[in-house]
Amino acid sequence: MTTMTAFETLAAGENGIGTGSVRTWLLDNIIPLVLLAVALLLLWLGGGKGDNAGVMRRLAGVVIALAIIGLAVSGAGVNVGQWIAGLFTG
């Protein structure tokens, strides 16, 4: 088997190679680390100064961003889009 044939076989996905394992690794490892970093940053920025209102404003933005990430990862965005479209089309 030549090198080019091996690359063509891998590119065609005949051996089950895909992005599923990368996606799973990102969801299992990177997302919790990012959430931990955001939580520590919020505590460090607002907690030391007593700026609780500022922390809550930032936290609202983080919650909205997490909701968007959750919709994108779970695939539920299609259902939400259909529901919103149903509000206007009946």
PDB file of N, CA and C in Angstrom:
ATOM      1  N   MET A   1       0.850  -1.169   0.000  1.00  0.00           N
ATOM      2  CA  MET A   1       0.000   0.000   0.000  1.00  0.00           C
ATOM      3  C   MET A   1       0.898   1.235   0.000  1.00  0.00           C
ATOM      4  N   THR A   2       0.645   2.110  -0.942  1.00  0.00           N
ATOM      5  CA  THR A   2       1.459   3.312  -1.016  1.00  0.00           C
ATOM      6  C   THR A   2       0.985   4.335   0.000  1.00  0.00           C
ATOM      7  N   THR A   3       1.796   5.320   0.197  1.00  0.00           N
ATOM      8  CA  THR A   3       1.454   6.364   1.171  1.00  0.00           C
ATOM      9  C   THR A   3       0.208   7.118   0.738  1.00  0.00           C
ATOM     10  N   MET A   4       0.094   7.410  -0.547  1.00  0.00           N
ATOM     11  CA  MET A   4      -1.068   8.156  -1.030  1.00  0.00           C
ATOM     12  C   MET A   4      -2.353   7.347  -0.841  1.00  0.00           C
ATOM     13  N   THR A   5      -2.295   6.053  -1.071  1.00  0.00           N
ATOM     14  CA  THR A   5      -3.471   5.211  -0.873  1.00  0.00           C
ATOM     15  C   THR A   5      -3.861   5.181   0.600  1.00  0.00           C
ATOM     16  N   ALA A   6      -2.892   5.130   1.465  1.00  0.00           N
ATOM     17  CA  ALA A   6      -3.188   5.144   2.901  1.00  0.00           C
ATOM     18  C   ALA A   6      -3.857   6.449   3.300  1.00  0.00           C
ATOM     19  N   PHE A   7      -3.378   7.568   2.786  1.00  0.00           N
ATOM     20  CA  PHE A   7      -4.003   8.859   3.097  1.00  0.00           C
ATOM     21  C   PHE A   7      -5.419   8.946   2.538  1.00  0.00           C
ATOM     22  N   GLU A   8      -5.623   8.418   1.340  1.00  0.00           N
ATOM     23  CA  GLU A   8      -6.964   8.431   0.750  1.00  0.00           C
ATOM     24  C   GLU A   8      -7.917   7.579   1.570  1.00  0.00           C
ATOM     25  N   THR A   9      -7.437   6.445   2.064  1.00  0.00           N
ATOM     26  CA  THR A   9      -8.265   5.572   2.898  1.00  0.00           C
ATOM     27  C   THR A   9      -8.624   6.266   4.206  1.00  0.00           C
ATOM     28  N   LEU A  10      -7.661   6.925   4.818  1.00  0.00           N
ATOM     29  CA  LEU A  10      -7.930   7.648   6.066  1.00  0.00           C
ATOM     30  C   LEU A  10      -8.874   8.810   5.835  1.00  0.00           C
ATOM     31  N   ALA A  11      -8.685   9.514   4.719  1.00  0.00           N
ATOM     32  CA  ALA A  11      -9.539  10.666   4.432  1.00  0.00           C
ATOM     33  C   ALA A  11     -10.965  10.240   4.154  1.00  0.00           C
ATOM     34  N   ALA A  12     -11.148   9.061   3.570  1.00  0.00           N
ATOM     35  CA  ALA A  12     -12.492   8.582   3.257  1.00  0.00           C
ATOM     36  C   ALA A  12     -13.246   8.138   4.505  1.00  0.00           C
ATOM     37  N   GLY A  13     -12.549   7.913   5.583  1.00  0.00           N
ATOM     38  CA  GLY A  13     -13.202   7.532   6.830  1.00  0.00           C
ATOM     39  C   GLY A  13     -13.590   6.068   6.882  1.00  0.00           C
ATOM     40  N   GLU A  14     -12.968   5.233   6.085  1.00  0.00           N
ATOM     41  CA  GLU A  14     -13.311   3.821   6.057  1.00  0.00           C
ATOM     42  C   GLU A  14     -12.913   3.105   7.334  1.00  0.00           C
ATOM     43  N   ASN A  15     -11.964   3.628   8.068  1.00  0.00           N
ATOM     44  CA  ASN A  15     -11.509   2.991   9.300  1.00  0.00           C
ATOM     45  C   ASN A  15     -12.180   3.574  10.538  1.00  0.00           C
ATOM     46  N   GLY A  16     -13.220   4.364  10.358  1.00  0.00           N
ATOM     47  CA  GLY A  16     -13.923   4.934  11.488  1.00  0.00           C
ATOM     48  C   GLY A  16     -13.221   6.125  12.110  1.00  0.00           C
ATOM     49  N   ILE A  17     -12.307   6.735  11.397  1.00  0.00           N
ATOM     50  CA  ILE A  17     -11.613   7.896  11.925  1.00  0.00           C
ATOM     51  C   ILE A  17     -12.501   9.122  11.715  1.00  0.00           C
ATOM     52  N   GLY A  18     -12.697   9.875  12.756  1.00  0.00           N
ATOM     53  CA  GLY A  18     -13.537  11.062  12.656  1.00  0.00           C
ATOM     54  C   GLY A  18     -13.189  12.041  13.756  1.00  0.00           C
ATOM     55  N   THR A  19     -14.079  12.986  13.970  1.00  0.00           N
ATOM     56  CA  THR A  19     -13.841  14.010  14.980  1.00  0.00           C
ATOM     57  C   THR A  19     -14.598  13.735  16.276  1.00  0.00           C
ATOM     58  N   GLY A  20     -15.255  12.603  16.366  1.00  0.00           N
ATOM     59  CA  GLY A  20     -16.037  12.290  17.563  1.00  0.00           C
ATOM     60  C   GLY A  20     -15.199  12.221  18.816  1.00  0.00           C
ATOM     61  N   SER A  21     -14.029  11.617  18.727  1.00  0.00           N
ATOM     62  CA  SER A  21     -13.200  11.496  19.924  1.00  0.00           C
ATOM     63  C   SER A  21     -12.603  12.840  20.329  1.00  0.00           C
ATOM     64  N   VAL A  22     -12.302  13.688  19.361  1.00  0.00           N
ATOM     65  CA  VAL A  22     -11.789  15.022  19.682  1.00  0.00           C
ATOM     66  C   VAL A  22     -12.878  15.834  20.376  1.00  0.00           C
ATOM     67  N   ARG A  23     -14.102  15.744  19.875  1.00  0.00           N
ATOM     68  CA  ARG A  23     -15.220  16.468  20.471  1.00  0.00           C
ATOM     69  C   ARG A  23     -15.459  15.999  21.899  1.00  0.00           C
ATOM     70  N   THR A  24     -15.426  14.695  22.107  1.00  0.00           N
ATOM     71  CA  THR A  24     -15.617  14.146  23.444  1.00  0.00           C
ATOM     72  C   THR A  24     -14.513  14.605  24.385  1.00  0.00           C
ATOM     73  N   TRP A  25     -13.273  14.604  23.910  1.00  0.00           N
ATOM     74  CA  TRP A  25     -12.156  15.042  24.744  1.00  0.00           C
ATOM     75  C   TRP A  25     -12.308  16.510  25.127  1.00  0.00           C
ATOM     76  N   LEU A  26     -12.712  17.339  24.166  1.00  0.00           N
ATOM     77  CA  LEU A  26     -12.908  18.756  24.468  1.00  0.00           C
ATOM     78  C   LEU A  26     -13.999  18.947  25.512  1.00  0.00           C
ATOM     79  N   LEU A  27     -15.111  18.238  25.358  1.00  0.00           N
ATOM     80  CA  LEU A  27     -16.212  18.384  26.303  1.00  0.00           C
ATOM     81  C   LEU A  27     -15.841  17.872  27.689  1.00  0.00           C
ATOM     82  N   ASP A  28     -15.051  16.823  27.741  1.00  0.00           N
ATOM     83  CA  ASP A  28     -14.694  16.241  29.034  1.00  0.00           C
ATOM     84  C   ASP A  28     -13.570  16.978  29.743  1.00  0.00           C
ATOM     85  N   ASN A  29     -12.697  17.661  29.004  1.00  0.00           N
ATOM     86  CA  ASN A  29     -11.505  18.247  29.620  1.00  0.00           C
ATOM     87  C   ASN A  29     -11.437  19.764  29.527  1.00  0.00           C
ATOM     88  N   ILE A  30     -11.601  20.314  28.362  1.00  0.00           N
ATOM     89  CA  ILE A  30     -11.392  21.744  28.167  1.00  0.00           C
ATOM     90  C   ILE A  30     -12.524  22.572  28.775  1.00  0.00           C
ATOM     91  N   ILE A  31     -13.768  22.181  28.543  1.00  0.00           N
ATOM     92  CA  ILE A  31     -14.903  22.971  29.044  1.00  0.00           C
ATOM     93  C   ILE A  31     -14.870  23.099  30.565  1.00  0.00           C
ATOM     94  N   PRO A  32     -14.664  22.021  31.342  1.00  0.00           N
ATOM     95  CA  PRO A  32     -14.578  22.216  32.805  1.00  0.00           C
ATOM     96  C   PRO A  32     -13.408  23.110  33.229  1.00  0.00           C
ATOM     97  N   LEU A  33     -12.281  23.007  32.537  1.00  0.00           N
ATOM     98  CA  LEU A  33     -11.151  23.872  32.884  1.00  0.00           C
ATOM     99  C   LEU A  33     -11.454  25.332  32.598  1.00  0.00           C
ATOM    100  N   VAL A  34     -12.127  25.607  31.496  1.00  0.00           N
ATOM    101  CA  VAL A  34     -12.501  26.987  31.167  1.00  0.00           C
ATOM    102  C   VAL A  34     -13.492  27.514  32.198  1.00  0.00           C
ATOM    103  N   LEU A  35     -14.455  26.689  32.600  1.00  0.00           N
ATOM    104  CA  LEU A  35     -15.421  27.118  33.609  1.00  0.00           C
ATOM    105  C   LEU A  35     -14.736  27.408  34.941  1.00  0.00           C
ATOM    106  N   LEU A  36     -13.784  26.579  35.314  1.00  0.00           N
ATOM    107  CA  LEU A  36     -13.035  26.819  36.547  1.00  0.00           C
ATOM    108  C   LEU A  36     -12.247  28.118  36.463  1.00  0.00           C
ATOM    109  N   ALA A  37     -11.613  28.361  35.323  1.00  0.00           N
ATOM    110  CA  ALA A  37     -10.842  29.597  35.146  1.00  0.00           C
ATOM    111  C   ALA A  37     -11.744  30.820  35.216  1.00  0.00           C
ATOM    112  N   VAL A  38     -12.925  30.743  34.598  1.00  0.00           N
ATOM    113  CA  VAL A  38     -13.860  31.873  34.635  1.00  0.00           C
ATOM    114  C   VAL A  38     -14.333  32.119  36.061  1.00  0.00           C
ATOM    115  N   ALA A  39     -14.647  31.052  36.796  1.00  0.00           N
ATOM    116  CA  ALA A  39     -15.104  31.211  38.178  1.00  0.00           C
ATOM    117  C   ALA A  39     -14.021  31.848  39.049  1.00  0.00           C
ATOM    118  N   LEU A  40     -12.787  31.381  38.903  1.00  0.00           N
ATOM    119  CA  LEU A  40     -11.703  31.958  39.690  1.00  0.00           C
ATOM    120  C   LEU A  40     -11.451  33.414  39.309  1.00  0.00           C
ATOM    121  N   LEU A  41     -11.543  33.723  38.037  1.00  0.00           N
ATOM    122  CA  LEU A  41     -11.348  35.100  37.585  1.00  0.00           C
ATOM    123  C   LEU A  41     -12.434  36.018  38.134  1.00  0.00           C
ATOM    124  N   LEU A  42     -13.683  35.547  38.122  1.00  0.00           N
ATOM    125  CA  LEU A  42     -14.766  36.361  38.673  1.00  0.00           C
ATOM    126  C   LEU A  42     -14.575  36.600  40.166  1.00  0.00           C
ATOM    127  N   LEU A  43     -14.172  35.572  40.881  1.00  0.00           N
ATOM    128  CA  LEU A  43     -13.936  35.746  42.312  1.00  0.00           C
ATOM    129  C   LEU A  43     -12.775  36.690  42.580  1.00  0.00           C
ATOM    130  N   TRP A  44     -11.746  36.588  41.784  1.00  0.00           N
ATOM    131  CA  TRP A  44     -10.562  37.432  41.979  1.00  0.00           C
ATOM    132  C   TRP A  44     -10.855  38.883  41.635  1.00  0.00           C
ATOM    133  N   LEU A  45     -11.595  39.113  40.534  1.00  0.00           N
ATOM    134  CA  LEU A  45     -11.869  40.490  40.108  1.00  0.00           C
ATOM    135  C   LEU A  45     -12.822  41.215  41.050  1.00  0.00           C
ATOM    136  N   GLY A  46     -13.898  40.547  41.437  1.00  0.00           N
ATOM    137  CA  GLY A  46     -14.908  41.243  42.226  1.00  0.00           C
ATOM    138  C   GLY A  46     -14.862  40.973  43.698  1.00  0.00           C
ATOM    139  N   GLY A  47     -14.411  39.823  44.073  1.00  0.00           N
ATOM    140  CA  GLY A  47     -14.446  39.452  45.481  1.00  0.00           C
ATOM    141  C   GLY A  47     -13.517  40.279  46.337  1.00  0.00           C
ATOM    142  N   GLY A  48     -12.353  40.591  45.836  1.00  0.00           N
ATOM    143  CA  GLY A  48     -11.380  41.332  46.622  1.00  0.00           C
ATOM    144  C   GLY A  48     -11.749  42.786  46.799  1.00  0.00           C
ATOM    145  N   LYS A  49     -12.495  43.349  45.849  1.00  0.00           N
ATOM    146  CA  LYS A  49     -12.850  44.769  45.909  1.00  0.00           C
ATOM    147  C   LYS A  49     -14.221  44.998  46.535  1.00  0.00           C
ATOM    148  N   GLY A  50     -14.971  43.940  46.741  1.00  0.00           N
ATOM    149  CA  GLY A  50     -16.319  44.098  47.271  1.00  0.00           C
ATOM    150  C   GLY A  50     -17.316  44.546  46.221  1.00  0.00           C
ATOM    151  N   ASP A  51     -16.979  44.398  44.958  1.00  0.00           N
ATOM    152  CA  ASP A  51     -17.845  44.825  43.854  1.00  0.00           C
ATOM    153  C   ASP A  51     -18.769  43.679  43.466  1.00  0.00           C
ATOM    154  N   ASN A  52     -19.734  43.405  44.322  1.00  0.00           N
ATOM    155  CA  ASN A  52     -20.636  42.279  44.072  1.00  0.00           C
ATOM    156  C   ASN A  52     -21.535  42.523  42.866  1.00  0.00           C
ATOM    157  N   ALA A  53     -21.957  43.758  42.648  1.00  0.00           N
ATOM    158  CA  ALA A  53     -22.811  44.060  41.496  1.00  0.00           C
ATOM    159  C   ALA A  53     -22.050  43.842  40.185  1.00  0.00           C
ATOM    160  N   GLY A  54     -20.791  44.210  40.161  1.00  0.00           N
ATOM    161  CA  GLY A  54     -19.985  43.994  38.965  1.00  0.00           C
ATOM    162  C   GLY A  54     -19.782  42.518  38.674  1.00  0.00           C
ATOM    163  N   VAL A  55     -19.606  41.742  39.729  1.00  0.00           N
ATOM    164  CA  VAL A  55     -19.461  40.292  39.551  1.00  0.00           C
ATOM    165  C   VAL A  55     -20.750  39.705  38.992  1.00  0.00           C
ATOM    166  N   MET A  56     -21.872  40.141  39.476  1.00  0.00           N
ATOM    167  CA  MET A  56     -23.150  39.607  38.999  1.00  0.00           C
ATOM    168  C   MET A  56     -23.399  39.982  37.540  1.00  0.00           C
ATOM    169  N   ARG A  57     -22.997  41.178  37.134  1.00  0.00           N
ATOM    170  CA  ARG A  57     -23.141  41.563  35.716  1.00  0.00           C
ATOM    171  C   ARG A  57     -22.290  40.665  34.841  1.00  0.00           C
ATOM    172  N   ARG A  58     -21.071  40.422  35.259  1.00  0.00           N
ATOM    173  CA  ARG A  58     -20.205  39.530  34.482  1.00  0.00           C
ATOM    174  C   ARG A  58     -20.736  38.111  34.487  1.00  0.00           C
ATOM    175  N   LEU A  59     -21.269  37.690  35.617  1.00  0.00           N
ATOM    176  CA  LEU A  59     -21.802  36.344  35.730  1.00  0.00           C
ATOM    177  C   LEU A  59     -22.999  36.146  34.804  1.00  0.00           C
ATOM    178  N   ALA A  60     -23.811  37.173  34.631  1.00  0.00           N
ATOM    179  CA  ALA A  60     -24.942  37.071  33.706  1.00  0.00           C
ATOM    180  C   ALA A  60     -24.442  36.824  32.283  1.00  0.00           C
ATOM    181  N   GLY A  61     -23.387  37.493  31.883  1.00  0.00           N
ATOM    182  CA  GLY A  61     -22.811  37.255  30.560  1.00  0.00           C
ATOM    183  C   GLY A  61     -22.258  35.852  30.421  1.00  0.00           C
ATOM    184  N   VAL A  62     -21.636  35.346  31.477  1.00  0.00           N
ATOM    185  CA  VAL A  62     -21.094  33.983  31.448  1.00  0.00           C
ATOM    186  C   VAL A  62     -22.221  32.966  31.341  1.00  0.00           C
ATOM    187  N   VAL A  63     -23.306  33.179  32.060  1.00  0.00           N
ATOM    188  CA  VAL A  63     -24.442  32.251  32.008  1.00  0.00           C
ATOM    189  C   VAL A  63     -25.048  32.227  30.604  1.00  0.00           C
ATOM    190  N   ILE A  64     -25.180  33.385  29.986  1.00  0.00           N
ATOM    191  CA  ILE A  64     -25.706  33.435  28.618  1.00  0.00           C
ATOM    192  C   ILE A  64     -24.774  32.714  27.654  1.00  0.00           C
ATOM    193  N   ALA A  65     -23.480  32.920  27.797  1.00  0.00           N
ATOM    194  CA  ALA A  65     -22.515  32.228  26.935  1.00  0.00           C
ATOM    195  C   ALA A  65     -22.563  30.717  27.143  1.00  0.00           C
ATOM    196  N   LEU A  66     -22.698  30.276  28.391  1.00  0.00           N
ATOM    197  CA  LEU A  66     -22.798  28.840  28.655  1.00  0.00           C
ATOM    198  C   LEU A  66     -24.070  28.241  28.079  1.00  0.00           C
ATOM    199  N   ALA A  67     -25.160  29.006  28.107  1.00  0.00           N
ATOM    200  CA  ALA A  67     -26.406  28.517  27.509  1.00  0.00           C
ATOM    201  C   ALA A  67     -26.243  28.334  26.009  1.00  0.00           C
ATOM    202  N   ILE A  68     -25.558  29.259  25.356  1.00  0.00           N
ATOM    203  CA  ILE A  68     -25.333  29.148  23.919  1.00  0.00           C
ATOM    204  C   ILE A  68     -24.433  27.958  23.615  1.00  0.00           C
ATOM    205  N   ILE A  69     -23.388  27.761  24.401  1.00  0.00           N
ATOM    206  CA  ILE A  69     -22.508  26.606  24.206  1.00  0.00           C
ATOM    207  C   ILE A  69     -23.293  25.309  24.428  1.00  0.00           C
ATOM    208  N   GLY A  70     -24.133  25.283  25.440  1.00  0.00           N
ATOM    209  CA  GLY A  70     -24.944  24.094  25.701  1.00  0.00           C
ATOM    210  C   GLY A  70     -25.882  23.764  24.555  1.00  0.00           C
ATOM    211  N   LEU A  71     -26.495  24.780  23.970  1.00  0.00           N
ATOM    212  CA  LEU A  71     -27.368  24.550  22.818  1.00  0.00           C
ATOM    213  C   LEU A  71     -26.574  24.015  21.633  1.00  0.00           C
ATOM    214  N   ALA A  72     -25.394  24.570  21.428  1.00  0.00           N
ATOM    215  CA  ALA A  72     -24.578  24.138  20.287  1.00  0.00           C
ATOM    216  C   ALA A  72     -24.083  22.714  20.467  1.00  0.00           C
ATOM    217  N   VAL A  73     -23.692  22.343  21.675  1.00  0.00           N
ATOM    218  CA  VAL A  73     -23.127  21.018  21.919  1.00  0.00           C
ATOM    219  C   VAL A  73     -24.205  19.945  21.927  1.00  0.00           C
ATOM    220  N   SER A  74     -25.353  20.239  22.486  1.00  0.00           N
ATOM    221  CA  SER A  74     -26.395  19.221  22.614  1.00  0.00           C
ATOM    222  C   SER A  74     -27.198  19.019  21.339  1.00  0.00           C
ATOM    223  N   GLY A  75     -27.154  19.970  20.433  1.00  0.00           N
ATOM    224  CA  GLY A  75     -27.943  19.857  19.211  1.00  0.00           C
ATOM    225  C   GLY A  75     -29.379  20.309  19.392  1.00  0.00           C
ATOM    226  N   ALA A  76     -29.705  20.862  20.549  1.00  0.00           N
ATOM    227  CA  ALA A  76     -31.070  21.309  20.817  1.00  0.00           C
ATOM    228  C   ALA A  76     -31.373  22.655  20.169  1.00  0.00           C
ATOM    229  N   GLY A  77     -30.383  23.268  19.556  1.00  0.00           N
ATOM    230  CA  GLY A  77     -30.601  24.557  18.907  1.00  0.00           C
ATOM    231  C   GLY A  77     -31.619  24.489  17.792  1.00  0.00           C
ATOM    232  N   VAL A  78     -31.689  23.352  17.113  1.00  0.00           N
ATOM    233  CA  VAL A  78     -32.667  23.175  16.035  1.00  0.00           C
ATOM    234  C   VAL A  78     -34.077  23.227  16.603  1.00  0.00           C
ATOM    235  N   ASN A  79     -34.305  22.558  17.721  1.00  0.00           N
ATOM    236  CA  ASN A  79     -35.633  22.560  18.342  1.00  0.00           C
ATOM    237  C   ASN A  79     -36.014  23.958  18.822  1.00  0.00           C
ATOM    238  N   VAL A  80     -35.070  24.677  19.376  1.00  0.00           N
ATOM    239  CA  VAL A  80     -35.337  26.040  19.839  1.00  0.00           C
ATOM    240  C   VAL A  80     -35.670  26.928  18.647  1.00  0.00           C
ATOM    241  N   GLY A  81     -34.922  26.781  17.549  1.00  0.00           N
ATOM    242  CA  GLY A  81     -35.199  27.561  16.340  1.00  0.00           C
ATOM    243  C   GLY A  81     -36.571  27.254  15.770  1.00  0.00           C
ATOM    244  N   GLN A  82     -36.964  25.991  15.773  1.00  0.00           N
ATOM    245  CA  GLN A  82     -38.300  25.628  15.285  1.00  0.00           C
ATOM    246  C   GLN A  82     -39.382  26.199  16.189  1.00  0.00           C
ATOM    247  N   TRP A  83     -39.137  26.216  17.496  1.00  0.00           N
ATOM    248  CA  TRP A  83     -40.115  26.777  18.420  1.00  0.00           C
ATOM    249  C   TRP A  83     -40.283  28.279  18.201  1.00  0.00           C
ATOM    250  N   ILE A  84     -39.162  28.977  18.025  1.00  0.00           N
ATOM    251  CA  ILE A  84     -39.237  30.427  17.783  1.00  0.00           C
ATOM    252  C   ILE A  84     -39.914  30.714  16.463  1.00  0.00           C
ATOM    253  N   ALA A  85     -39.611  29.934  15.432  1.00  0.00           N
ATOM    254  CA  ALA A  85     -40.276  30.111  14.137  1.00  0.00           C
ATOM    255  C   ALA A  85     -41.767  29.829  14.258  1.00  0.00           C
ATOM    256  N   GLY A  86     -42.132  28.860  15.092  1.00  0.00           N
ATOM    257  CA  GLY A  86     -43.541  28.540  15.296  1.00  0.00           C
ATOM    258  C   GLY A  86     -44.310  29.666  15.968  1.00  0.00           C
ATOM    259  N   LEU A  87     -43.620  30.508  16.738  1.00  0.00           N
ATOM    260  CA  LEU A  87     -44.285  31.652  17.359  1.00  0.00           C
ATOM    261  C   LEU A  87     -44.765  32.653  16.322  1.00  0.00           C
ATOM    262  N   PHE A  88     -44.035  32.749  15.211  1.00  0.00           N
ATOM    263  CA  PHE A  88     -44.374  33.739  14.194  1.00  0.00           C
ATOM    264  C   PHE A  88     -45.227  33.148  13.065  1.00  0.00           C
ATOM    265  N   THR A  89     -45.092  31.855  12.811  1.00  0.00           N
ATOM    266  CA  THR A  89     -45.811  31.270  11.684  1.00  0.00           C
ATOM    267  C   THR A  89     -47.090  30.576  12.102  1.00  0.00           C
ATOM    268  N   GLY A  90     -47.258  30.323  13.372  1.00  0.00           N
ATOM    269  CA  GLY A  90     -48.505  29.733  13.864  1.00  0.00           C
ATOM    270  C   GLY A  90     -48.510  28.301  13.985  1.00  0.00           C
TER     271      GLY A  90
END
